[in-house]
PDB file of N, CA and C in Angstrom:
ATOM      1  N   MET A   1      83.774  62.274 141.711  1.00  0.00           N
ATOM      2  CA  MET A   1      83.451  61.983 140.339  1.00  0.00           C
ATOM      3  C   MET A   1      82.070  62.548 140.050  1.00  0.00           C
ATOM      4  N   ASN A   2      81.975  63.385 139.045  1.00  0.00           N
ATOM      5  CA  ASN A   2      80.706  63.964 138.615  1.00  0.00           C
ATOM      6  C   ASN A   2      80.385  63.430 137.230  1.00  0.00           C
ATOM      7  N   VAL A   3      79.164  62.964 137.050  1.00  0.00           N
ATOM      8  CA  VAL A   3      78.742  62.374 135.794  1.00  0.00           C
ATOM      9  C   VAL A   3      77.756  63.309 135.105  1.00  0.00           C
ATOM     10  N   SER A   4      77.936  63.483 133.795  1.00  0.00           N
ATOM     11  CA  SER A   4      77.032  64.313 133.013  1.00  0.00           C
ATOM     12  C   SER A   4      76.755  63.599 131.687  1.00  0.00           C
ATOM     13  N   LEU A   5      75.713  62.768 131.686  1.00  0.00           N
ATOM     14  CA  LEU A   5      75.320  62.065 130.469  1.00  0.00           C
ATOM     15  C   LEU A   5      74.546  63.010 129.561  1.00  0.00           C
ATOM     16  N   PRO A   6      74.685  62.840 128.248  1.00  0.00           N
ATOM     17  CA  PRO A   6      73.936  63.697 127.323  1.00  0.00           C
ATOM     18  C   PRO A   6      72.430  63.546 127.522  1.00  0.00           C
ATOM     19  N   ALA A   7      71.722  64.645 127.475  1.00  0.00           N
ATOM     20  CA  ALA A   7      70.274  64.631 127.705  1.00  0.00           C
ATOM     21  C   ALA A   7      69.545  63.754 126.700  1.00  0.00           C
ATOM     22  N   GLY A   8      70.000  63.714 125.467  1.00  0.00           N
ATOM     23  CA  GLY A   8      69.314  62.943 124.441  1.00  0.00           C
ATOM     24  C   GLY A   8      69.855  61.541 124.233  1.00  0.00           C
ATOM     25  N   MET A   9      70.618  61.026 125.201  1.00  0.00           N
ATOM     26  CA  MET A   9      71.202  59.696 125.041  1.00  0.00           C
ATOM     27  C   MET A   9      70.106  58.642 124.899  1.00  0.00           C
ATOM     28  N   ASP A  10      70.308  57.722 123.970  1.00  0.00           N
ATOM     29  CA  ASP A  10      69.366  56.630 123.766  1.00  0.00           C
ATOM     30  C   ASP A  10      69.194  55.850 125.071  1.00  0.00           C
ATOM     31  N   PRO A  11      67.955  55.601 125.513  1.00  0.00           N
ATOM     32  CA  PRO A  11      67.720  54.894 126.785  1.00  0.00           C
ATOM     33  C   PRO A  11      68.360  53.506 126.842  1.00  0.00           C
ATOM     34  N   GLY A  12      68.362  52.785 125.742  1.00  0.00           N
ATOM     35  CA  GLY A  12      69.002  51.468 125.725  1.00  0.00           C
ATOM     36  C   GLY A  12      70.501  51.560 125.875  1.00  0.00           C
ATOM     37  N   GLU A  13      71.104  52.528 125.179  1.00  0.00           N
ATOM     38  CA  GLU A  13      72.540  52.760 125.291  1.00  0.00           C
ATOM     39  C   GLU A  13      72.906  53.174 126.715  1.00  0.00           C
ATOM     40  N   ARG A  14      72.075  54.032 127.296  1.00  0.00           N
ATOM     41  CA  ARG A  14      72.295  54.490 128.685  1.00  0.00           C
ATOM     42  C   ARG A  14      72.245  53.315 129.646  1.00  0.00           C
ATOM     43  N   ALA A  15      71.234  52.456 129.513  1.00  0.00           N
ATOM     44  CA  ALA A  15      71.090  51.303 130.410  1.00  0.00           C
ATOM     45  C   ALA A  15      72.281  50.357 130.284  1.00  0.00           C
ATOM     46  N   THR A  16      72.735  50.127 129.062  1.00  0.00           N
ATOM     47  CA  THR A  16      73.899  49.256 128.842  1.00  0.00           C
ATOM     48  C   THR A  16      75.151  49.861 129.457  1.00  0.00           C
ATOM     49  N   LEU A  17      75.345  51.145 129.255  1.00  0.00           N
ATOM     50  CA  LEU A  17      76.501  51.855 129.807  1.00  0.00           C
ATOM     51  C   LEU A  17      76.517  51.779 131.330  1.00  0.00           C
ATOM     52  N   LEU A  18      75.367  52.014 131.960  1.00  0.00           N
ATOM     53  CA  LEU A  18      75.285  51.982 133.422  1.00  0.00           C
ATOM     54  C   LEU A  18      75.507  50.568 133.961  1.00  0.00           C
ATOM     55  N   ALA A  19      75.035  49.556 133.256  1.00  0.00           N
ATOM     56  CA  ALA A  19      75.263  48.172 133.685  1.00  0.00           C
ATOM     57  C   ALA A  19      76.744  47.828 133.606  1.00  0.00           C
ATOM     58  N   ARG A  20      77.417  48.270 132.548  1.00  0.00           N
ATOM     59  CA  ARG A  20      78.859  48.033 132.420  1.00  0.00           C
ATOM     60  C   ARG A  20      79.624  48.748 133.530  1.00  0.00           C
ATOM     61  N   GLU A  21      79.213  49.972 133.838  1.00  0.00           N
ATOM     62  CA  GLU A  21      79.864  50.749 134.903  1.00  0.00           C
ATOM     63  C   GLU A  21      79.716  50.030 136.247  1.00  0.00           C
ATOM     64  N   ARG A  22      78.508  49.580 136.543  1.00  0.00           N
ATOM     65  CA  ARG A  22      78.253  48.881 137.810  1.00  0.00           C
ATOM     66  C   ARG A  22      79.112  47.613 137.916  1.00  0.00           C
ATOM     67  N   ALA A  23      79.159  46.824 136.862  1.00  0.00           N
ATOM     68  CA  ALA A  23      79.937  45.587 136.872  1.00  0.00           C
ATOM     69  C   ALA A  23      81.427  45.877 137.079  1.00  0.00           C
ATOM     70  N   TYR A  24      81.947  46.886 136.388  1.00  0.00           N
ATOM     71  CA  TYR A  24      83.363  47.260 136.514  1.00  0.00           C
ATOM     72  C   TYR A  24      83.668  47.727 137.938  1.00  0.00           C
ATOM     73  N   CYS A  25      82.821  48.588 138.474  1.00  0.00           N
ATOM     74  CA  CYS A  25      82.984  49.107 139.835  1.00  0.00           C
ATOM     75  C   CYS A  25      82.954  47.970 140.862  1.00  0.00           C
ATOM     76  N   GLN A  26      82.000  47.077 140.721  1.00  0.00           N
ATOM     77  CA  GLN A  26      81.871  45.996 141.696  1.00  0.00           C
ATOM     78  C   GLN A  26      83.029  45.007 141.604  1.00  0.00           C
ATOM     79  N   GLU A  27      83.552  44.775 140.410  1.00  0.00           N
ATOM     80  CA  GLU A  27      84.717  43.896 140.277  1.00  0.00           C
ATOM     81  C   GLU A  27      85.931  44.516 140.961  1.00  0.00           C
ATOM     82  N   LEU A  28      86.131  45.816 140.781  1.00  0.00           N
ATOM     83  CA  LEU A  28      87.232  46.500 141.454  1.00  0.00           C
ATOM     84  C   LEU A  28      87.053  46.479 142.971  1.00  0.00           C
ATOM     85  N   GLN A  29      85.814  46.539 143.452  1.00  0.00           N
ATOM     86  CA  GLN A  29      85.566  46.422 144.893  1.00  0.00           C
ATOM     87  C   GLN A  29      85.944  45.025 145.393  1.00  0.00           C
ATOM     88  N   ARG A  30      85.543  44.003 144.649  1.00  0.00           N
ATOM     89  CA  ARG A  30      85.894  42.634 145.048  1.00  0.00           C
ATOM     90  C   ARG A  30      87.405  42.427 145.072  1.00  0.00           C
ATOM     91  N   GLU A  31      88.117  43.085 144.168  1.00  0.00           N
ATOM     92  CA  GLU A  31      89.580  42.982 144.117  1.00  0.00           C
ATOM     93  C   GLU A  31      90.256  43.809 145.212  1.00  0.00           C
ATOM     94  N   GLY A  32      89.494  44.640 145.922  1.00  0.00           N
ATOM     95  CA  GLY A  32      90.052  45.474 146.983  1.00  0.00           C
ATOM     96  C   GLY A  32      90.669  46.771 146.496  1.00  0.00           C
ATOM     97  N   LYS A  33      90.522  47.081 145.223  1.00  0.00           N
ATOM     98  CA  LYS A  33      91.097  48.312 144.674  1.00  0.00           C
ATOM     99  C   LYS A  33      90.180  49.514 144.858  1.00  0.00           C
ATOM    100  N   TRP A  34      88.865  49.291 144.799  1.00  0.00           N
ATOM    101  CA  TRP A  34      87.882  50.365 145.007  1.00  0.00           C
ATOM    102  C   TRP A  34      87.313  50.126 146.393  1.00  0.00           C
ATOM    103  N   ARG A  35      87.924  50.789 147.385  1.00  0.00           N
ATOM    104  CA  ARG A  35      87.646  50.485 148.792  1.00  0.00           C
ATOM    105  C   ARG A  35      86.314  51.034 149.274  1.00  0.00           C
ATOM    106  N   HIS A  36      85.961  52.242 148.851  1.00  0.00           N
ATOM    107  CA  HIS A  36      84.726  52.881 149.320  1.00  0.00           C
ATOM    108  C   HIS A  36      84.123  53.699 148.185  1.00  0.00           C
ATOM    109  N   ILE A  37      82.794  53.762 148.171  1.00  0.00           N
ATOM    110  CA  ILE A  37      82.091  54.630 147.229  1.00  0.00           C
ATOM    111  C   ILE A  37      80.858  55.189 147.939  1.00  0.00           C
ATOM    112  N   TRP A  38      80.736  56.504 147.931  1.00  0.00           N
ATOM    113  CA  TRP A  38      79.591  57.175 148.548  1.00  0.00           C
ATOM    114  C   TRP A  38      78.912  58.038 147.506  1.00  0.00           C
ATOM    115  N   ARG A  39      77.592  58.016 147.476  1.00  0.00           N
ATOM    116  CA  ARG A  39      76.821  58.882 146.590  1.00  0.00           C
ATOM    117  C   ARG A  39      76.749  60.271 147.220  1.00  0.00           C
ATOM    118  N   VAL A  40      76.856  61.293 146.401  1.00  0.00           N
ATOM    119  CA  VAL A  40      76.682  62.672 146.851  1.00  0.00           C
ATOM    120  C   VAL A  40      75.203  63.001 146.690  1.00  0.00           C
ATOM    121  N   SER A  41      74.533  63.242 147.798  1.00  0.00           N
ATOM    122  CA  SER A  41      73.090  63.488 147.776  1.00  0.00           C
ATOM    123  C   SER A  41      72.738  64.660 146.867  1.00  0.00           C
ATOM    124  N   GLY A  42      71.723  64.431 146.034  1.00  0.00           N
ATOM    125  CA  GLY A  42      71.224  65.476 145.164  1.00  0.00           C
ATOM    126  C   GLY A  42      72.027  65.700 143.889  1.00  0.00           C
ATOM    127  N   HIS A  43      73.047  64.867 143.640  1.00  0.00           N
ATOM    128  CA  HIS A  43      73.895  65.023 142.455  1.00  0.00           C
ATOM    129  C   HIS A  43      74.119  63.658 141.812  1.00  0.00           C
ATOM    130  N   TYR A  44      74.458  63.664 140.542  1.00  0.00           N
ATOM    131  CA  TYR A  44      74.889  62.431 139.892  1.00  0.00           C
ATOM    132  C   TYR A  44      76.397  62.399 140.052  1.00  0.00           C
ATOM    133  N   ALA A  45      76.823  62.078 141.273  1.00  0.00           N
ATOM    134  CA  ALA A  45      78.231  62.159 141.640  1.00  0.00           C
ATOM    135  C   ALA A  45      78.518  61.198 142.783  1.00  0.00           C
ATOM    136  N   ASN A  46      79.792  60.883 142.952  1.00  0.00           N
ATOM    137  CA  ASN A  46      80.204  60.061 144.082  1.00  0.00           C
ATOM    138  C   ASN A  46      81.564  60.513 144.571  1.00  0.00           C
ATOM    139  N   ILE A  47      81.857  60.085 145.781  1.00  0.00           N
ATOM    140  CA  ILE A  47      83.195  60.222 146.355  1.00  0.00           C
ATOM    141  C   ILE A  47      83.686  58.806 146.584  1.00  0.00           C
ATOM    142  N   SER A  48      84.872  58.530 146.086  1.00  0.00           N
ATOM    143  CA  SER A  48      85.402  57.173 146.152  1.00  0.00           C
ATOM    144  C   SER A  48      86.801  57.169 146.739  1.00  0.00           C
ATOM    145  N   ILE A  49      87.141  56.040 147.359  1.00  0.00           N
ATOM    146  CA  ILE A  49      88.488  55.806 147.870  1.00  0.00           C
ATOM    147  C   ILE A  49      89.031  54.567 147.169  1.00  0.00           C
ATOM    148  N   PHE A  50      90.196  54.709 146.547  1.00  0.00           N
ATOM    149  CA  PHE A  50      90.855  53.606 145.879  1.00  0.00           C
ATOM    150  C   PHE A  50      92.108  53.214 146.661  1.00  0.00           C
ATOM    151  N   ASP A  51      92.460  51.958 146.618  1.00  0.00           N
ATOM    152  CA  ASP A  51      93.692  51.460 147.221  1.00  0.00           C
ATOM    153  C   ASP A  51      94.465  50.761 146.113  1.00  0.00           C
ATOM    154  N   VAL A  52      95.408  51.490 145.522  1.00  0.00           N
ATOM    155  CA  VAL A  52      96.135  50.994 144.360  1.00  0.00           C
ATOM    156  C   VAL A  52      97.636  51.062 144.607  1.00  0.00           C
ATOM    157  N   GLU A  53      98.378  50.385 143.752  1.00  0.00           N
ATOM    158  CA  GLU A  53      99.827  50.312 143.914  1.00  0.00           C
ATOM    159  C   GLU A  53     100.554  51.556 143.426  1.00  0.00           C
ATOM    160  N   SER A  54      99.927  52.295 142.497  1.00  0.00           N
ATOM    161  CA  SER A  54     100.626  53.444 141.921  1.00  0.00           C
ATOM    162  C   SER A  54      99.625  54.408 141.288  1.00  0.00           C
ATOM    163  N   ASN A  55     100.118  55.611 141.006  1.00  0.00           N
ATOM    164  CA  ASN A  55      99.296  56.580 140.285  1.00  0.00           C
ATOM    165  C   ASN A  55      98.970  56.061 138.889  1.00  0.00           C
ATOM    166  N   ASP A  56      99.903  55.338 138.290  1.00  0.00           N
ATOM    167  CA  ASP A  56      99.655  54.767 136.959  1.00  0.00           C
ATOM    168  C   ASP A  56      98.504  53.770 137.002  1.00  0.00           C
ATOM    169  N   GLN A  57      98.462  52.942 138.047  1.00  0.00           N
ATOM    170  CA  GLN A  57      97.368  51.973 138.158  1.00  0.00           C
ATOM    171  C   GLN A  57      96.034  52.703 138.337  1.00  0.00           C
ATOM    172  N   LEU A  58      96.015  53.749 139.155  1.00  0.00           N
ATOM    173  CA  LEU A  58      94.788  54.527 139.328  1.00  0.00           C
ATOM    174  C   LEU A  58      94.362  55.141 137.995  1.00  0.00           C
ATOM    175  N   HIS A  59      95.313  55.687 137.268  1.00  0.00           N
ATOM    176  CA  HIS A  59      95.028  56.271 135.958  1.00  0.00           C
ATOM    177  C   HIS A  59      94.372  55.238 135.038  1.00  0.00           C
ATOM    178  N   ASP A  60      94.935  54.047 134.994  1.00  0.00           N
ATOM    179  CA  ASP A  60      94.380  52.992 134.144  1.00  0.00           C
ATOM    180  C   ASP A  60      92.973  52.594 134.579  1.00  0.00           C
ATOM    181  N   ILE A  61      92.758  52.493 135.879  1.00  0.00           N
ATOM    182  CA  ILE A  61      91.424  52.151 136.400  1.00  0.00           C
ATOM    183  C   ILE A  61      90.408  53.225 136.002  1.00  0.00           C
ATOM    184  N   LEU A  62      90.759  54.479 136.213  1.00  0.00           N
ATOM    185  CA  LEU A  62      89.825  55.567 135.912  1.00  0.00           C
ATOM    186  C   LEU A  62      89.521  55.648 134.421  1.00  0.00           C
ATOM    187  N   TRP A  63      90.523  55.492 133.600  1.00  0.00           N
ATOM    188  CA  TRP A  63      90.305  55.532 132.155  1.00  0.00           C
ATOM    189  C   TRP A  63      89.495  54.332 131.683  1.00  0.00           C
ATOM    190  N   GLY A  64      89.481  53.259 132.463  1.00  0.00           N
ATOM    191  CA  GLY A  64      88.703  52.080 132.119  1.00  0.00           C
ATOM    192  C   GLY A  64      87.233  52.187 132.486  1.00  0.00           C
ATOM    193  N   LEU A  65      86.863  53.210 133.239  1.00  0.00           N
ATOM    194  CA  LEU A  65      85.457  53.374 133.615  1.00  0.00           C
ATOM    195  C   LEU A  65      84.605  53.600 132.370  1.00  0.00           C
ATOM    196  N   PRO A  66      83.559  52.811 132.172  1.00  0.00           N
ATOM    197  CA  PRO A  66      82.687  53.043 131.025  1.00  0.00           C
ATOM    198  C   PRO A  66      82.104  54.460 130.983  1.00  0.00           C
ATOM    199  N   LEU A  67      81.884  55.071 132.148  1.00  0.00           N
ATOM    200  CA  LEU A  67      81.351  56.431 132.202  1.00  0.00           C
ATOM    201  C   LEU A  67      82.434  57.509 132.086  1.00  0.00           C
ATOM    202  N   PHE A  68      83.702  57.109 131.989  1.00  0.00           N
ATOM    203  CA  PHE A  68      84.804  58.074 131.990  1.00  0.00           C
ATOM    204  C   PHE A  68      84.611  59.222 131.001  1.00  0.00           C
ATOM    205  N   PRO A  69      84.165  58.965 129.759  1.00  0.00           N
ATOM    206  CA  PRO A  69      84.013  60.089 128.824  1.00  0.00           C
ATOM    207  C   PRO A  69      82.989  61.135 129.270  1.00  0.00           C
ATOM    208  N   TYR A  70      82.148  60.779 130.234  1.00  0.00           N
ATOM    209  CA  TYR A  70      81.080  61.672 130.695  1.00  0.00           C
ATOM    210  C   TYR A  70      81.355  62.212 132.102  1.00  0.00           C
ATOM    211  N   MET A  71      82.584  62.062 132.567  1.00  0.00           N
ATOM    212  CA  MET A  71      82.899  62.409 133.958  1.00  0.00           C
ATOM    213  C   MET A  71      83.904  63.548 134.044  1.00  0.00           C
ATOM    214  N   THR A  72      83.790  64.291 135.142  1.00  0.00           N
ATOM    215  CA  THR A  72      84.848  65.180 135.587  1.00  0.00           C
ATOM    216  C   THR A  72      85.229  64.702 136.986  1.00  0.00           C
ATOM    217  N   MET A  73      86.504  64.824 137.323  1.00  0.00           N
ATOM    218  CA  MET A  73      86.985  64.295 138.600  1.00  0.00           C
ATOM    219  C   MET A  73      87.961  65.257 139.247  1.00  0.00           C
ATOM    220  N   ASP A  74      87.932  65.262 140.561  1.00  0.00           N
ATOM    221  CA  ASP A  74      88.973  65.882 141.370  1.00  0.00           C
ATOM    222  C   ASP A  74      89.653  64.734 142.089  1.00  0.00           C
ATOM    223  N   ILE A  75      90.965  64.607 141.933  1.00  0.00           N
ATOM    224  CA  ILE A  75      91.699  63.480 142.503  1.00  0.00           C
ATOM    225  C   ILE A  75      92.711  64.007 143.506  1.00  0.00           C
ATOM    226  N   THR A  76      92.690  63.416 144.699  1.00  0.00           N
ATOM    227  CA  THR A  76      93.622  63.778 145.760  1.00  0.00           C
ATOM    228  C   THR A  76      94.325  62.520 146.242  1.00  0.00           C
ATOM    229  N   PRO A  77      95.619  62.359 145.930  1.00  0.00           N
ATOM    230  CA  PRO A  77      96.346  61.191 146.424  1.00  0.00           C
ATOM    231  C   PRO A  77      96.497  61.266 147.946  1.00  0.00           C
ATOM    232  N   LEU A  78      96.267  60.153 148.611  1.00  0.00           N
ATOM    233  CA  LEU A  78      96.385  60.069 150.066  1.00  0.00           C
ATOM    234  C   LEU A  78      97.428  59.030 150.436  1.00  0.00           C
ATOM    235  N   ASN A  79      98.040  59.215 151.578  1.00  0.00           N
ATOM    236  CA  ASN A  79      99.009  58.260 152.102  1.00  0.00           C
ATOM    237  C   ASN A  79      98.657  57.940 153.546  1.00  0.00           C
ATOM    238  N   ALA A  80      99.086  56.778 154.007  1.00  0.00           N
ATOM    239  CA  ALA A  80      98.883  56.419 155.407  1.00  0.00           C
ATOM    240  C   ALA A  80      99.602  57.438 156.291  1.00  0.00           C
ATOM    241  N   HIS A  81      98.992  57.758 157.409  1.00  0.00           N
ATOM    242  CA  HIS A  81      99.579  58.698 158.355  1.00  0.00           C
ATOM    243  C   HIS A  81     100.371  57.902 159.387  1.00  0.00           C
ATOM    244  N   PRO A  82     101.569  58.333 159.736  1.00  0.00           N
ATOM    245  CA  PRO A  82     102.382  57.562 160.676  1.00  0.00           C
ATOM    246  C   PRO A  82     101.783  57.442 162.080  1.00  0.00           C
ATOM    247  N   SER A  83     100.816  58.277 162.421  1.00  0.00           N
ATOM    248  CA  SER A  83     100.180  58.195 163.740  1.00  0.00           C
ATOM    249  C   SER A  83      98.936  57.315 163.745  1.00  0.00           C
ATOM    250  N   ASP A  84      98.560  56.751 162.616  1.00  0.00           N
ATOM    251  CA  ASP A  84      97.371  55.891 162.529  1.00  0.00           C
ATOM    252  C   ASP A  84      97.711  54.517 163.084  1.00  0.00           C
ATOM    253  N   ILE A  85      97.203  54.223 164.274  1.00  0.00           N
ATOM    254  CA  ILE A  85      97.546  52.938 164.907  1.00  0.00           C
ATOM    255  C   ILE A  85      96.947  51.748 164.160  1.00  0.00           C
ATOM    256  N   GLY A  86      95.918  51.974 163.356  1.00  0.00           N
ATOM    257  CA  GLY A  86      95.299  50.881 162.629  1.00  0.00           C
ATOM    258  C   GLY A  86      96.018  50.512 161.356  1.00  0.00           C
ATOM    259  N   VAL A  87      96.924  51.337 160.887  1.00  0.00           N
ATOM    260  CA  VAL A  87      97.569  51.096 159.607  1.00  0.00           C
ATOM    261  C   VAL A  87      99.060  50.883 159.729  1.00  0.00           C
ATOM    262  N   SER A  88      99.743  51.797 160.376  1.00  0.00           N
ATOM    263  CA  SER A  88     101.188  51.819 160.225  1.00  0.00           C
ATOM    264  C   SER A  88     101.989  51.595 161.509  1.00  0.00           C
ATOM    265  N   CYS A  89     101.341  51.527 162.643  1.00  0.00           N
ATOM    266  CA  CYS A  89     102.081  51.419 163.895  1.00  0.00           C
ATOM    267  C   CYS A  89     102.021  49.976 164.399  1.00  0.00           C
ATOM    268  N   PRO A  90     103.122  49.229 164.305  1.00  0.00           N
ATOM    269  CA  PRO A  90     103.103  47.850 164.785  1.00  0.00           C
ATOM    270  C   PRO A  90     102.928  47.798 166.307  1.00  0.00           C
ATOM    271  N   VAL A  91     102.284  46.759 166.768  1.00  0.00           N
ATOM    272  CA  VAL A  91     102.095  46.555 168.199  1.00  0.00           C
ATOM    273  C   VAL A  91     103.397  46.035 168.791  1.00  0.00           C
ATOM    274  N   LYS A  92     103.898  46.719 169.805  1.00  0.00           N
ATOM    275  CA  LYS A  92     105.140  46.306 170.452  1.00  0.00           C
ATOM    276  C   LYS A  92     104.810  45.807 171.848  1.00  0.00           C
ATOM    277  N   ARG A  93     105.392  44.676 172.209  1.00  0.00           N
ATOM    278  CA  ARG A  93     105.151  44.113 173.535  1.00  0.00           C
ATOM    279  C   ARG A  93     106.439  43.920 174.268  1.00  0.00           C
TER     280      ARG A  93
END
């Protein structure tokens, strides 16, 4: 996710927007839907991992981001790998 806020944005509007974004992001983290978020050094950008039920749910979450109108995103759907012993391989005894 890359963010590009307008250079002349009102500072109060910017602060309110960023506070709303933080609250939304943290609520999704508490719900377990936004699993990881990493800042990209030197950029106003992040790399995030979501755990959602469907592409439609991800779409709704992303469109709900307060910063969405100011963002560009590259989205790559991921699936559990059958060889991942931590996710998909039951322990057999």
